[in-house]
Amino acid sequence: MAKTAWNAIITLGSIGSLNEISRTSLLEQARACLDLSRRILDTVGSEGDAGGPLVEIQVLNGLLKSESK
């Protein structure tokens, strides 16, 4: 879900179809989903191969932080 929100931010933003309110809402949704994903993986442990979901969470978290500046 976090990736889907991020993709919408990038896609809609690149074609000029994203107003500031929608952008802010999508960023909040992406952060909330990312936080929940992180909490789940912190509880159940890492999943998959090296470079799996935990690394993807870190990458997306970095992208979201850079987007809020």
C-alpha atoms as a PDB file:
ATOM      1  CA  MET A   1       0.000   0.000   0.000  1.00  0.00           C
ATOM      2  CA  ALA A   2       2.867   2.368   0.784  1.00  0.00           C
ATOM      3  CA  LYS A   3       4.414   1.688  -2.621  1.00  0.00           C
ATOM      4  CA  THR A   4       1.064   2.273  -4.309  1.00  0.00           C
ATOM      5  CA  ALA A   5       0.678   5.656  -2.603  1.00  0.00           C
ATOM      6  CA  TRP A   6       4.268   6.549  -3.546  1.00  0.00           C
ATOM      7  CA  ASN A   7       3.687   5.554  -7.168  1.00  0.00           C
ATOM      8  CA  ALA A   8       0.566   7.737  -7.258  1.00  0.00           C
ATOM      9  CA  ILE A   9       2.527  10.706  -5.890  1.00  0.00           C
ATOM     10  CA  ILE A  10       5.205  10.333  -8.538  1.00  0.00           C
ATOM     11  CA  THR A  11       2.895   9.506 -11.456  1.00  0.00           C
ATOM     12  CA  LEU A  12       0.242  12.127 -10.791  1.00  0.00           C
ATOM     13  CA  GLY A  13       2.845  14.715  -9.859  1.00  0.00           C
ATOM     14  CA  SER A  14       4.738  14.209 -13.103  1.00  0.00           C
ATOM     15  CA  ILE A  15       1.646  14.846 -15.215  1.00  0.00           C
ATOM     16  CA  GLY A  16       0.508  17.808 -13.133  1.00  0.00           C
ATOM     17  CA  SER A  17      -2.658  16.160 -11.831  1.00  0.00           C
ATOM     18  CA  LEU A  18      -1.808  16.360  -8.139  1.00  0.00           C
ATOM     19  CA  ASN A  19      -2.800  19.353  -6.022  1.00  0.00           C
ATOM     20  CA  GLU A  20      -1.078  20.069  -2.710  1.00  0.00           C
ATOM     21  CA  ILE A  21      -3.930  18.670  -0.590  1.00  0.00           C
ATOM     22  CA  SER A  22      -3.969  15.379  -2.515  1.00  0.00           C
ATOM     23  CA  ARG A  23      -0.175  15.175  -2.406  1.00  0.00           C
ATOM     24  CA  THR A  24      -0.144  15.714   1.359  1.00  0.00           C
ATOM     25  CA  SER A  25      -2.863  13.105   1.837  1.00  0.00           C
ATOM     26  CA  LEU A  26      -0.989  10.539  -0.258  1.00  0.00           C
ATOM     27  CA  LEU A  27       2.250  11.237   1.624  1.00  0.00           C
ATOM     28  CA  GLU A  28       0.443  10.710   4.942  1.00  0.00           C
ATOM     29  CA  GLN A  29      -1.094   7.473   3.682  1.00  0.00           C
ATOM     30  CA  ALA A  30       2.256   6.206   2.442  1.00  0.00           C
ATOM     31  CA  ARG A  31       3.922   7.017   5.769  1.00  0.00           C
ATOM     32  CA  ALA A  32       1.121   5.321   7.749  1.00  0.00           C
ATOM     33  CA  CYS A  33       1.285   2.157   5.641  1.00  0.00           C
ATOM     34  CA  LEU A  34       5.064   2.126   5.823  1.00  0.00           C
ATOM     35  CA  ASP A  35       4.962   2.493   9.605  1.00  0.00           C
ATOM     36  CA  LEU A  36       2.525  -0.418   9.920  1.00  0.00           C
ATOM     37  CA  SER A  37       4.676  -2.563   7.633  1.00  0.00           C
ATOM     38  CA  ARG A  38       7.748  -1.783   9.694  1.00  0.00           C
ATOM     39  CA  ARG A  39       5.946  -2.667  12.935  1.00  0.00           C
ATOM     40  CA  ILE A  40       4.796  -5.993  11.514  1.00  0.00           C
ATOM     41  CA  LEU A  41       8.262  -6.935  10.282  1.00  0.00           C
ATOM     42  CA  ASP A  42       9.811  -5.827  13.585  1.00  0.00           C
ATOM     43  CA  THR A  43       7.422  -8.236  15.314  1.00  0.00           C
ATOM     44  CA  VAL A  44       7.603 -11.263  13.014  1.00  0.00           C
ATOM     45  CA  GLY A  45      11.165 -10.774  11.825  1.00  0.00           C
ATOM     46  CA  SER A  46      12.669 -10.205   8.432  1.00  0.00           C
ATOM     47  CA  GLU A  47      11.081 -11.956   5.494  1.00  0.00           C
ATOM     48  CA  GLY A  48      12.590 -13.210   2.277  1.00  0.00           C
ATOM     49  CA  ASP A  49      16.058 -12.745   0.878  1.00  0.00           C
ATOM     50  CA  ALA A  50      18.665 -10.157   1.738  1.00  0.00           C
ATOM     51  CA  GLY A  51      17.472  -6.930   0.211  1.00  0.00           C
ATOM     52  CA  GLY A  52      13.891  -7.962   0.915  1.00  0.00           C
ATOM     53  CA  PRO A  53      11.051  -6.047   2.546  1.00  0.00           C
ATOM     54  CA  LEU A  54      13.101  -4.431   5.321  1.00  0.00           C
ATOM     55  CA  VAL A  55      15.477  -2.905   2.787  1.00  0.00           C
ATOM     56  CA  GLU A  56      12.548  -1.788   0.641  1.00  0.00           C
ATOM     57  CA  ILE A  57      11.022  -0.106   3.698  1.00  0.00           C
ATOM     58  CA  GLN A  58      14.282   1.747   4.327  1.00  0.00           C
ATOM     59  CA  VAL A  59      14.489   2.905   0.716  1.00  0.00           C
ATOM     60  CA  LEU A  60      10.889   4.095   0.607  1.00  0.00           C
ATOM     61  CA  ASN A  61      11.279   5.767   4.000  1.00  0.00           C
ATOM     62  CA  GLY A  62      14.254   7.712   2.632  1.00  0.00           C
ATOM     63  CA  LEU A  63      12.257   8.761  -0.418  1.00  0.00           C
ATOM     64  CA  LEU A  64       9.341   9.926   1.716  1.00  0.00           C
ATOM     65  CA  LYS A  65      11.680  11.909   3.987  1.00  0.00           C
ATOM     66  CA  SER A  66      13.277  13.623   0.992  1.00  0.00           C
ATOM     67  CA  GLU A  67       9.829  14.427  -0.409  1.00  0.00           C
ATOM     68  CA  SER A  68       8.781  16.250   2.750  1.00  0.00           C
ATOM     69  CA  LYS A  69      11.657  18.736   2.558  1.00  0.00           C
END
